Amino acid sequence: MARKRGTTPRKQPAVNKTDTEDNVSVNAALLRKLLFSNGTSTLPPSSRMDFARKAGTYSQFSGNRNIREIVGYPDVLVYADYLAAYERQDVATRVIETYPDYTWISKPEIYETEGSTDTPFEVDIKNLVRKTDVIGVLRAFDILAGIGEYGVLVIGVDDGGKMDTLLTPKKAAHKIIYMRPYAEGEVKVKEWDTNTNSERYMHPVMYTVTPNELQTTTMPAIVKTFDVHYSRTIHFADNALNSTVFGVPRLKRVYDRLVDILKIVAGSGEMFWRGAYQGFAFEADAEGELTTEDKTAMKDDIQRYLMGLDRAMLLKGVQAKPLSPAVASPKDHLDAQLTMVAIASRIPKRILAGSEMGKLASTQDAENWSQQITTRRTNVTEPRLLRPFIDFCTTNRIIASPQGEYNVIWAALTAPSDKDVSETAMNFTNALSTYATASLYLVMPFKEYLMNIWRYTVEQANIMSKGFDAKAFEKIKAAQNEPKQVKTPANTKGETEDT
């Protein structure tokens, strides 16, 4: 193709003879910056969170726009953030306390045998629960442990030993002097078990406790910071995944939503304060002339109108035009945030809002929530809180040891309605009739039938089965099944009694 006169031919880029069409040189430093840079760093991500930020989860346009930074979400959360939210924000308090409140809403029944007479273990555990408010302490411990990653329950025993020494029973019977739960912010792990052959490998051996009373100005520092041995404590971490020492704080997954709720609620109050009251626009007459005295007098009238009870203003050369109030309802925005909190915390929305007290929660919500609390009791609360406490008491001779395994029964969470009670009574009557007529009591004793099939407690089963005699019942049943003999009167001609 002919080149136009006066133009200069373009320089062709130098081609490396060793390069082929599939072999293109790449600037490694530039590529690393495009992939991993947040605007300042050229290093690869050092953690999964860094990778998420740089990969687009939290940032866009090669790090030039950080979504979390723009909307005001904290990048790193610490225990102080969770504690401040729990103490000051209503929804945060509800998220942390709802699970413990429903878990410990009733006292679990702890028993050893199914006999009518209590064993020494059963007598001791009932007295301990009644005298020391164990359930209330475990509930408080459950709440405090959920604020951070873990909590520690320190138990004082009358063994005469120091708190930083191994607890060893010295008497035939000991007693608990006090129980005090501490949150993560009050307890630090001082020493770990690093022996790979130990059953407590990578578990705390010694704690350093700083009671939160020392951090206030209203209470004197009577108790100083002290060390406590693990044998005098119970360690609990809620939402623990790959570690039984550290769990996930209950507010961690919903903290961003709590920030949004704070914006909406605080913003709606500010919006109402600024926009609900009708304001005025004062327009001065272009041809009017105001003296200093006129301006001062009008300013005083306007001040009295806005701040006092005067409903009239004397204006000169000025026209007052009312401004239309502009207030929007925050209900839909707040409802969306509460829905996200309910999803992340796995608490039904109506229960999270407390509307179940007004019987507004749906039946499906109540059933799902009851099943969820039952699962938490079975998989978390009982094996990690209740049983460790009972084992602590038996090991250190605070209560008598059971002869074998002991059982824990939790009461049902939901209270049945009148309709449920009538249907249950009808089903129980029909089932009991089948149980009796089919002679199932020969296979399963009546007491076991009540406990295993109908889930009655030991005490209820003892009362209901009292006086039941299978042999006597069998005799009555046999008598009822005997064929009746037809009697023929002597003064008739073959007529029966019925004729």
Protein backbone atom coordinates (compact mmCIF):
# COMPACT_ATOMS: atom_id res chain seq x y z
CA MET A 1 0.00 0.00 0.00
CA ALA A 2 1.38 3.40 -0.92
CA ARG A 3 2.43 5.74 1.86
CA LYS A 4 1.08 9.28 1.83
CA ARG A 5 3.58 12.02 1.29
CA GLY A 6 4.72 13.76 4.46
CA THR A 7 3.99 10.87 6.85
CA THR A 8 6.54 8.99 8.89
CA PRO A 9 6.45 5.22 9.04
CA ARG A 10 5.67 3.70 12.46
CA LYS A 11 8.43 1.90 14.24
CA GLN A 12 7.78 -1.79 14.63
CA PRO A 13 8.42 -3.20 18.12
CA ALA A 14 11.51 -5.27 18.51
CA VAL A 15 10.76 -8.96 18.44
CA ASN A 16 12.78 -11.44 20.41
CA LYS A 17 13.73 -14.16 18.01
CA THR A 18 13.39 -16.73 20.76
CA ASP A 19 9.75 -15.74 21.40
CA THR A 20 7.00 -17.51 19.54
CA GLU A 21 3.32 -16.67 19.24
CA ASP A 22 2.58 -18.67 22.41
CA ASN A 23 5.55 -17.35 24.37
CA VAL A 24 4.76 -13.81 25.57
CA SER A 25 6.94 -12.04 28.13
CA VAL A 26 5.02 -10.91 31.24
CA ASN A 27 5.95 -8.25 33.75
CA ALA A 28 5.72 -10.33 36.95
CA ALA A 29 5.79 -7.29 39.26
CA LEU A 30 2.93 -5.63 37.37
CA LEU A 31 0.86 -8.82 37.38
CA ARG A 32 1.37 -9.29 41.12
CA LYS A 33 0.27 -5.71 41.70
CA LEU A 34 -2.87 -6.17 39.62
CA LEU A 35 -3.80 -9.37 41.41
CA PHE A 36 -2.92 -8.60 44.99
CA SER A 37 -2.49 -4.85 45.34
CA ASN A 38 -4.80 -2.81 47.59
CA GLY A 39 -3.27 0.39 46.32
CA THR A 40 -0.10 0.28 48.40
CA SER A 41 1.18 -3.26 48.79
CA THR A 42 2.52 -5.58 46.12
CA LEU A 43 2.79 -8.63 48.34
CA PRO A 44 0.56 -11.69 48.03
CA PRO A 45 -2.18 -12.11 50.64
CA SER A 46 -0.95 -13.60 53.89
CA SER A 47 -4.31 -14.79 55.19
CA ARG A 48 -7.72 -15.89 54.00
CA MET A 49 -9.20 -12.54 55.05
CA ASP A 50 -6.59 -10.64 53.05
CA PHE A 51 -7.28 -12.84 50.07
CA ALA A 52 -11.03 -12.20 50.42
CA ARG A 53 -10.46 -8.45 50.52
CA LYS A 54 -8.20 -8.42 47.50
CA ALA A 55 -10.15 -11.00 45.51
CA GLY A 56 -13.27 -8.83 45.44
CA THR A 57 -15.29 -9.93 48.49
CA TYR A 58 -14.73 -6.60 50.23
CA SER A 59 -12.96 -4.50 47.61
CA GLN A 60 -13.41 -3.66 43.96
CA PHE A 61 -11.43 -2.10 41.13
CA SER A 62 -8.06 -3.50 42.22
CA GLY A 63 -8.48 -2.21 45.74
CA ASN A 64 -9.40 1.36 44.78
CA ARG A 65 -12.81 0.99 46.42
CA ASN A 66 -13.10 -0.87 49.71
CA ILE A 67 -16.76 -1.53 50.44
CA ARG A 68 -16.30 -2.13 54.15
CA GLU A 69 -14.28 1.02 54.57
CA ILE A 70 -16.83 3.13 52.68
CA VAL A 71 -19.84 1.96 54.70
CA GLY A 72 -17.96 2.22 58.00
CA TYR A 73 -17.66 -1.45 58.99
CA PRO A 74 -14.72 -2.18 61.29
CA ASP A 75 -12.02 -4.21 59.57
CA VAL A 76 -10.90 -6.11 62.67
CA LEU A 77 -13.15 -6.95 65.61
CA VAL A 78 -11.84 -7.42 69.14
CA TYR A 79 -13.45 -8.40 72.42
CA ALA A 80 -13.98 -4.75 73.41
CA ASP A 81 -16.21 -4.26 70.35
CA TYR A 82 -18.45 -7.18 71.29
CA LEU A 83 -18.64 -6.10 74.93
CA ALA A 84 -19.56 -2.50 74.02
CA ALA A 85 -22.29 -3.73 71.67
CA TYR A 86 -23.66 -6.11 74.31
CA GLU A 87 -23.77 -3.39 76.97
CA ARG A 88 -25.22 -0.60 74.84
CA GLN A 89 -27.14 -2.02 71.88
CA ASP A 90 -30.52 -3.64 72.37
CA VAL A 91 -30.42 -6.07 69.42
CA ALA A 92 -26.91 -7.22 70.34
CA THR A 93 -28.05 -7.99 73.87
CA ARG A 94 -30.94 -10.00 72.51
CA VAL A 95 -28.68 -12.03 70.19
CA ILE A 96 -26.29 -12.95 73.00
CA GLU A 97 -28.89 -13.75 75.67
CA THR A 98 -31.62 -15.50 73.67
CA TYR A 99 -29.94 -18.89 73.39
CA PRO A 100 -28.93 -19.10 77.09
CA ASP A 101 -32.33 -17.81 78.23
CA TYR A 102 -34.24 -20.51 76.37
CA THR A 103 -31.67 -23.22 77.09
CA TRP A 104 -31.87 -22.72 80.86
CA ILE A 105 -35.54 -21.72 80.99
CA SER A 106 -36.22 -24.76 83.17
CA LYS A 107 -34.09 -26.96 85.41
CA PRO A 108 -32.99 -30.25 83.84
CA GLU A 109 -33.78 -33.43 85.69
CA ILE A 110 -30.67 -35.39 86.70
CA TYR A 111 -31.17 -38.95 87.91
CA GLU A 112 -29.24 -42.17 88.26
CA THR A 113 -31.83 -44.94 88.46
CA GLU A 114 -35.52 -45.27 87.77
CA GLY A 115 -36.40 -46.42 91.26
CA SER A 116 -38.88 -44.63 93.48
CA THR A 117 -36.20 -44.02 96.14
CA ASP A 118 -33.51 -41.41 95.47
CA THR A 119 -29.91 -42.60 95.48
CA PRO A 120 -27.22 -40.65 97.41
CA PHE A 121 -26.13 -39.10 94.10
CA GLU A 122 -29.66 -37.92 93.34
CA VAL A 123 -30.13 -36.51 96.85
CA ASP A 124 -26.85 -34.61 96.71
CA ILE A 125 -27.39 -33.17 93.26
CA LYS A 126 -30.88 -31.95 94.17
CA ASN A 127 -29.57 -30.27 97.32
CA LEU A 128 -26.70 -28.70 95.40
CA VAL A 129 -29.00 -27.28 92.72
CA ARG A 130 -31.35 -25.91 95.36
CA LYS A 131 -28.76 -24.35 97.67
CA THR A 132 -26.16 -22.92 95.27
CA ASP A 133 -28.31 -21.67 92.36
CA VAL A 134 -26.35 -23.79 89.91
CA ILE A 135 -28.75 -23.16 87.03
CA GLY A 136 -28.54 -19.38 87.42
CA VAL A 137 -24.75 -19.47 87.53
CA LEU A 138 -24.52 -21.71 84.45
CA ARG A 139 -26.90 -19.41 82.57
CA ALA A 140 -24.76 -16.37 83.41
CA PHE A 141 -21.66 -18.36 82.41
CA ASP A 142 -23.31 -19.25 79.10
CA ILE A 143 -24.04 -15.56 78.41
CA LEU A 144 -20.56 -14.29 79.31
CA ALA A 145 -18.83 -17.00 77.27
CA GLY A 146 -20.84 -15.99 74.19
CA ILE A 147 -19.64 -12.39 74.26
CA GLY A 148 -16.12 -13.37 73.31
CA GLU A 149 -14.41 -16.54 72.19
CA TYR A 150 -14.62 -18.35 75.53
CA GLY A 151 -15.42 -18.06 79.22
CA VAL A 152 -14.07 -19.60 82.41
CA LEU A 153 -16.05 -20.61 85.50
CA VAL A 154 -13.88 -20.46 88.62
CA ILE A 155 -15.11 -22.73 91.42
CA GLY A 156 -13.90 -22.21 94.97
CA VAL A 157 -13.66 -25.39 97.07
CA ASP A 158 -12.87 -25.69 100.79
CA ASP A 159 -9.70 -27.74 100.22
CA GLY A 160 -7.40 -25.13 101.76
CA GLY A 161 -5.15 -25.02 98.69
CA LYS A 162 -4.08 -22.03 96.64
CA MET A 163 -5.92 -21.18 93.45
CA ASP A 164 -2.85 -21.75 91.28
CA THR A 165 -2.33 -25.32 92.52
CA LEU A 166 -3.85 -28.62 91.45
CA LEU A 167 -7.14 -29.31 93.21
CA THR A 168 -6.83 -32.58 95.13
CA PRO A 169 -9.62 -33.85 97.42
CA LYS A 170 -8.37 -34.12 101.01
CA LYS A 171 -11.56 -34.84 102.94
CA ALA A 172 -14.37 -37.33 102.64
CA ALA A 173 -16.69 -34.53 101.56
CA HIS A 174 -15.99 -31.04 100.29
CA LYS A 175 -18.32 -28.16 99.54
CA ILE A 176 -18.39 -25.32 97.05
CA ILE A 177 -17.60 -21.95 98.62
CA TYR A 178 -18.33 -19.80 95.57
CA MET A 179 -18.74 -19.91 91.79
CA ARG A 180 -17.82 -17.00 89.58
CA PRO A 181 -18.02 -16.89 85.76
CA TYR A 182 -15.54 -14.74 83.86
CA ALA A 183 -15.66 -13.54 80.26
CA GLU A 184 -12.78 -13.56 77.79
CA GLY A 185 -11.82 -9.99 78.63
CA GLU A 186 -11.21 -10.95 82.25
CA VAL A 187 -9.22 -14.15 81.63
CA LYS A 188 -6.01 -14.79 79.75
CA VAL A 189 -4.33 -18.14 79.22
CA LYS A 190 -0.98 -18.01 80.99
CA GLU A 191 0.28 -21.53 80.33
CA TRP A 192 -0.58 -24.22 77.77
CA ASP A 193 -0.16 -27.98 77.83
CA THR A 194 2.34 -28.63 75.02
CA ASN A 195 2.88 -32.33 75.71
CA THR A 196 1.76 -34.19 72.59
CA ASN A 197 1.12 -37.34 74.66
CA SER A 198 -1.18 -35.57 77.10
CA GLU A 199 -4.96 -35.82 76.84
CA ARG A 200 -5.03 -32.06 77.47
CA TYR A 201 -2.65 -31.26 74.62
CA MET A 202 -3.03 -27.60 73.55
CA HIS A 203 -5.44 -26.91 76.40
CA PRO A 204 -4.90 -24.27 79.10
CA VAL A 205 -3.03 -25.26 82.24
CA MET A 206 -3.02 -21.90 84.04
CA TYR A 207 -5.19 -18.81 83.71
CA THR A 208 -4.61 -15.21 84.81
CA VAL A 209 -7.86 -13.66 86.00
CA THR A 210 -8.48 -9.92 86.26
CA PRO A 211 -12.00 -9.32 87.61
CA ASN A 212 -13.82 -6.54 85.80
CA GLU A 213 -14.51 -4.82 89.14
CA LEU A 214 -10.89 -3.66 89.08
CA GLN A 215 -11.58 -1.73 85.88
CA THR A 216 -14.29 0.44 87.44
CA THR A 217 -13.88 3.53 89.55
CA THR A 218 -16.86 2.94 91.81
CA MET A 219 -15.62 -0.24 93.47
CA PRO A 220 -12.34 -0.51 95.37
CA ALA A 221 -9.79 -3.02 94.12
CA ILE A 222 -10.19 -5.56 96.91
CA VAL A 223 -9.17 -8.58 94.87
CA LYS A 224 -6.03 -8.33 92.79
CA THR A 225 -5.23 -10.20 89.62
CA PHE A 226 -4.70 -13.87 90.42
CA ASP A 227 -3.69 -17.11 88.72
CA VAL A 228 -5.92 -20.17 88.79
CA HIS A 229 -5.19 -23.79 87.85
CA TYR A 230 -7.40 -25.45 85.26
CA SER A 231 -8.49 -28.13 87.78
CA ARG A 232 -10.44 -25.42 89.62
CA THR A 233 -12.26 -24.19 86.54
CA ILE A 234 -14.63 -25.13 83.76
CA HIS A 235 -13.74 -23.82 80.31
CA PHE A 236 -16.55 -23.24 77.81
CA ALA A 237 -16.38 -22.02 74.20
CA ASP A 238 -19.65 -21.66 72.28
CA ASN A 239 -19.81 -22.19 68.51
CA ALA A 240 -16.48 -24.04 68.70
CA LEU A 241 -15.48 -25.67 65.43
CA ASN A 242 -11.93 -27.00 65.16
CA SER A 243 -11.05 -26.14 68.75
CA THR A 244 -12.74 -26.65 72.11
CA VAL A 245 -10.77 -23.74 73.57
CA PHE A 246 -11.84 -20.94 71.21
CA GLY A 247 -15.27 -20.43 69.74
CA VAL A 248 -16.91 -17.88 67.47
CA PRO A 249 -18.43 -14.88 69.31
CA ARG A 250 -22.19 -14.73 68.86
CA LEU A 251 -22.03 -11.18 67.49
CA LYS A 252 -19.26 -11.76 64.97
CA ARG A 253 -21.47 -12.83 62.07
CA VAL A 254 -24.06 -10.11 62.70
CA TYR A 255 -21.82 -7.22 63.73
CA ASP A 256 -22.06 -5.43 60.37
CA ARG A 257 -25.83 -5.64 60.55
CA LEU A 258 -25.73 -4.16 64.05
CA VAL A 259 -23.80 -1.20 62.63
CA ASP A 260 -26.50 -0.76 59.98
CA ILE A 261 -29.25 -0.95 62.59
CA LEU A 262 -27.50 1.71 64.65
CA LYS A 263 -27.34 3.95 61.57
CA ILE A 264 -31.03 3.44 60.80
CA VAL A 265 -32.31 3.94 64.35
CA ALA A 266 -30.05 6.90 65.13
CA GLY A 267 -30.64 8.39 61.70
CA SER A 268 -34.41 8.10 62.03
CA GLY A 269 -34.31 9.98 65.33
CA GLU A 270 -32.15 12.71 63.82
CA MET A 271 -34.41 12.83 60.75
CA PHE A 272 -37.49 13.27 62.91
CA TRP A 273 -35.79 15.95 65.00
CA ARG A 274 -34.81 17.92 61.93
CA GLY A 275 -37.71 17.27 59.59
CA ALA A 276 -40.86 16.57 61.57
CA TYR A 277 -41.18 20.12 62.93
CA GLN A 278 -42.37 22.61 60.35
CA GLY A 279 -39.63 25.11 59.55
CA PHE A 280 -39.86 28.52 57.94
CA ALA A 281 -38.06 30.27 55.13
CA PHE A 282 -37.83 34.04 55.70
CA GLU A 283 -37.67 36.05 52.47
CA ALA A 284 -36.81 39.73 52.75
CA ASP A 285 -38.53 42.28 50.49
CA ALA A 286 -36.09 43.44 47.84
CA GLU A 287 -37.25 47.05 48.18
CA GLY A 288 -37.56 47.04 51.96
CA GLU A 289 -35.01 48.57 54.27
CA LEU A 290 -34.51 47.19 57.78
CA THR A 291 -32.79 48.97 60.57
CA THR A 292 -30.70 47.24 63.19
CA GLU A 293 -33.52 47.65 65.72
CA ASP A 294 -36.02 46.03 63.31
CA LYS A 295 -33.75 43.04 62.79
CA THR A 296 -33.22 42.61 66.53
CA ALA A 297 -36.96 42.81 67.26
CA MET A 298 -37.85 40.28 64.55
CA LYS A 299 -35.12 37.94 65.75
CA ASP A 300 -36.56 38.04 69.27
CA ASP A 301 -40.08 37.36 67.97
CA ILE A 302 -38.89 34.41 65.90
CA GLN A 303 -36.96 33.04 68.89
CA ARG A 304 -40.03 33.26 71.13
CA TYR A 305 -42.15 31.57 68.47
CA LEU A 306 -39.74 28.66 68.04
CA MET A 307 -38.68 28.18 71.67
CA GLY A 308 -41.70 29.40 73.62
CA LEU A 309 -45.49 29.33 73.50
CA ASP A 310 -46.03 32.44 71.34
CA ARG A 311 -47.93 31.60 68.19
CA ALA A 312 -47.44 34.91 66.36
CA MET A 313 -44.49 36.78 64.89
CA LEU A 314 -44.32 40.49 64.09
CA LEU A 315 -42.37 40.82 60.87
CA LYS A 316 -41.47 43.87 58.84
CA GLY A 317 -40.32 43.66 55.28
CA VAL A 318 -39.98 39.90 55.61
CA GLN A 319 -42.29 37.13 54.43
CA ALA A 320 -42.36 33.78 56.35
CA LYS A 321 -43.03 30.73 54.20
CA PRO A 322 -43.59 27.39 55.95
CA LEU A 323 -41.49 24.44 54.85
CA SER A 324 -43.12 21.08 54.32
CA PRO A 325 -41.82 18.41 56.73
CA ALA A 326 -39.98 15.49 55.11
CA VAL A 327 -39.93 12.36 57.27
CA ALA A 328 -39.57 8.83 55.87
CA SER A 329 -40.45 5.68 57.76
CA PRO A 330 -37.42 3.53 58.71
CA LYS A 331 -39.59 0.46 59.24
CA ASP A 332 -38.81 -1.36 55.99
CA HIS A 333 -35.07 -0.70 56.27
CA LEU A 334 -34.98 -1.86 59.88
CA ASP A 335 -37.06 -4.92 59.05
CA ALA A 336 -34.58 -5.95 56.35
CA GLN A 337 -31.66 -5.70 58.79
CA LEU A 338 -33.51 -7.70 61.47
CA THR A 339 -34.22 -10.38 58.87
CA MET A 340 -30.51 -10.66 58.12
CA VAL A 341 -29.68 -10.83 61.84
CA ALA A 342 -32.25 -13.61 62.29
CA ILE A 343 -30.74 -15.55 59.39
CA ALA A 344 -27.16 -15.22 60.60
CA SER A 345 -27.93 -15.93 64.27
CA ARG A 346 -30.45 -18.72 63.47
CA ILE A 347 -33.00 -17.11 65.77
CA PRO A 348 -36.53 -16.84 64.32
CA LYS A 349 -37.31 -13.22 63.63
CA ARG A 350 -40.39 -13.04 65.83
CA ILE A 351 -38.58 -14.66 68.72
CA LEU A 352 -35.64 -12.29 68.18
CA ALA A 353 -38.04 -9.35 68.42
CA GLY A 354 -39.71 -10.80 71.51
CA SER A 355 -43.15 -10.99 69.89
CA GLU A 356 -43.61 -14.61 70.98
CA MET A 357 -44.66 -13.21 74.36
CA GLY A 358 -47.74 -11.83 72.62
CA LYS A 359 -48.40 -15.20 70.97
CA LEU A 360 -47.56 -13.81 67.54
CA ALA A 361 -44.91 -16.33 66.65
CA SER A 362 -46.12 -18.86 64.14
CA THR A 363 -46.46 -22.51 65.03
CA GLN A 364 -43.73 -23.37 62.55
CA ASP A 365 -41.34 -20.86 64.16
CA ALA A 366 -42.08 -22.23 67.61
CA GLU A 367 -41.50 -25.84 66.51
CA ASN A 368 -38.27 -25.02 64.68
CA TRP A 369 -36.98 -22.98 67.60
CA SER A 370 -37.88 -25.71 70.07
CA GLN A 371 -36.00 -28.25 67.96
CA GLN A 372 -33.01 -25.93 67.71
CA ILE A 373 -32.85 -25.40 71.49
CA THR A 374 -33.20 -29.16 72.00
CA THR A 375 -30.26 -29.71 69.63
CA ARG A 376 -28.18 -27.13 71.46
CA ARG A 377 -28.99 -28.73 74.82
CA THR A 378 -28.02 -32.16 73.54
CA ASN A 379 -24.90 -31.28 71.54
CA VAL A 380 -23.48 -28.24 73.34
CA THR A 381 -24.91 -27.33 76.73
CA GLU A 382 -25.09 -30.78 78.29
CA PRO A 383 -21.72 -32.25 77.18
CA ARG A 384 -19.71 -29.00 77.51
CA LEU A 385 -21.34 -27.23 80.45
CA LEU A 386 -23.67 -29.30 82.61
CA ARG A 387 -21.85 -32.64 82.64
CA PRO A 388 -18.38 -31.10 83.18
CA PHE A 389 -19.81 -29.33 86.24
CA ILE A 390 -21.39 -32.54 87.59
CA ASP A 391 -18.17 -34.47 86.94
CA PHE A 392 -16.21 -31.75 88.73
CA CYS A 393 -18.45 -32.17 91.77
CA THR A 394 -18.22 -35.96 91.83
CA THR A 395 -14.45 -36.03 91.25
CA ASN A 396 -13.79 -33.58 94.08
CA ARG A 397 -16.23 -35.27 96.52
CA ILE A 398 -18.70 -32.41 96.58
CA ILE A 399 -21.53 -34.83 95.83
CA ALA A 400 -21.70 -38.60 95.94
CA SER A 401 -20.55 -40.44 92.84
CA PRO A 402 -23.17 -42.39 90.88
CA GLN A 403 -22.88 -46.16 90.78
CA GLY A 404 -23.02 -46.08 86.99
CA GLU A 405 -24.06 -43.61 84.32
CA TYR A 406 -26.42 -40.78 85.21
CA ASN A 407 -29.09 -39.36 82.91
CA VAL A 408 -30.17 -35.81 82.09
CA ILE A 409 -33.68 -35.00 80.92
CA TRP A 410 -34.65 -31.53 79.71
CA ALA A 411 -38.22 -30.29 79.93
CA ALA A 412 -40.06 -29.47 76.72
CA LEU A 413 -39.60 -25.89 75.60
CA THR A 414 -43.07 -25.11 74.30
CA ALA A 415 -46.18 -25.17 76.50
CA PRO A 416 -49.06 -27.10 74.85
CA SER A 417 -52.32 -25.32 74.09
CA ASP A 418 -55.75 -26.57 75.19
CA LYS A 419 -56.24 -28.17 71.80
CA ASP A 420 -52.89 -29.93 72.07
CA VAL A 421 -53.75 -31.17 75.55
CA SER A 422 -57.09 -32.64 74.43
CA GLU A 423 -55.52 -34.33 71.40
CA THR A 424 -52.69 -35.73 73.52
CA ALA A 425 -55.19 -37.08 76.05
CA MET A 426 -57.19 -38.80 73.32
CA ASN A 427 -54.07 -40.30 71.74
CA PHE A 428 -52.79 -41.42 75.13
CA THR A 429 -56.09 -43.09 75.97
CA ASN A 430 -56.23 -44.94 72.65
CA ALA A 431 -52.59 -45.99 72.94
CA LEU A 432 -53.10 -47.14 76.51
CA SER A 433 -56.10 -49.21 75.43
CA THR A 434 -53.99 -50.86 72.75
CA TYR A 435 -51.16 -51.39 75.23
CA ALA A 436 -53.52 -53.16 77.63
CA THR A 437 -55.62 -55.24 75.20
CA ALA A 438 -52.54 -56.43 73.30
CA SER A 439 -50.81 -57.47 76.56
CA LEU A 440 -47.77 -55.34 75.72
CA TYR A 441 -47.06 -54.99 79.44
CA LEU A 442 -45.66 -58.52 79.27
CA VAL A 443 -42.94 -57.22 76.92
CA MET A 444 -42.40 -53.70 78.32
CA PRO A 445 -43.26 -52.80 81.92
CA PHE A 446 -45.77 -50.00 82.31
CA LYS A 447 -43.26 -47.62 83.89
CA GLU A 448 -40.77 -48.05 81.05
CA TYR A 449 -43.62 -47.62 78.59
CA LEU A 450 -44.49 -44.25 80.12
CA MET A 451 -40.88 -43.06 80.14
CA ASN A 452 -39.61 -44.37 76.81
CA ILE A 453 -42.72 -44.00 74.67
CA TRP A 454 -44.47 -41.00 76.22
CA ARG A 455 -41.35 -39.27 77.59
CA TYR A 456 -42.66 -38.84 81.12
CA THR A 457 -40.14 -38.02 83.81
CA VAL A 458 -39.09 -40.57 86.41
CA GLU A 459 -41.26 -38.98 89.10
CA GLN A 460 -44.29 -38.81 86.82
CA ALA A 461 -43.82 -42.40 85.71
CA ASN A 462 -43.52 -43.54 89.32
CA ILE A 463 -46.80 -41.85 90.25
CA MET A 464 -48.71 -43.07 87.19
CA SER A 465 -47.48 -46.67 87.40
CA LYS A 466 -48.01 -46.96 91.14
CA GLY A 467 -50.46 -49.78 91.91
CA PHE A 468 -50.30 -51.29 88.46
CA ASP A 469 -50.20 -55.09 88.81
CA ALA A 470 -49.75 -56.98 85.58
CA LYS A 471 -50.86 -60.32 87.10
CA ALA A 472 -54.04 -58.88 88.58
CA PHE A 473 -54.78 -57.13 85.29
CA GLU A 474 -54.30 -60.43 83.44
CA LYS A 475 -56.83 -62.13 85.71
CA ILE A 476 -59.39 -59.41 85.08
CA LYS A 477 -58.78 -59.63 81.37
CA ALA A 478 -59.20 -63.42 81.42
CA ALA A 479 -62.43 -63.13 83.37
CA GLN A 480 -63.82 -60.66 80.86
CA ASN A 481 -62.97 -62.94 77.97
CA GLU A 482 -64.75 -66.03 79.43
CA PRO A 483 -67.90 -67.01 77.42
CA LYS A 484 -71.14 -66.33 79.20
CA GLN A 485 -73.48 -69.34 79.93
CA VAL A 486 -77.08 -68.94 78.80
CA LYS A 487 -79.54 -69.75 81.59
CA THR A 488 -82.97 -71.22 80.75
CA PRO A 489 -85.77 -70.61 83.29
CA ALA A 490 -87.45 -73.81 84.58
CA ASN A 491 -91.04 -72.56 84.13
CA THR A 492 -90.74 -71.78 80.43
CA LYS A 493 -90.80 -73.84 77.30
CA GLY A 494 -87.36 -73.24 75.93
CA GLU A 495 -87.47 -69.41 76.15
CA THR A 496 -84.27 -67.68 77.07
CA GLU A 497 -83.83 -64.83 79.47
CA ASP A 498 -83.91 -62.36 76.67
CA THR A 499 -87.26 -63.56 75.33
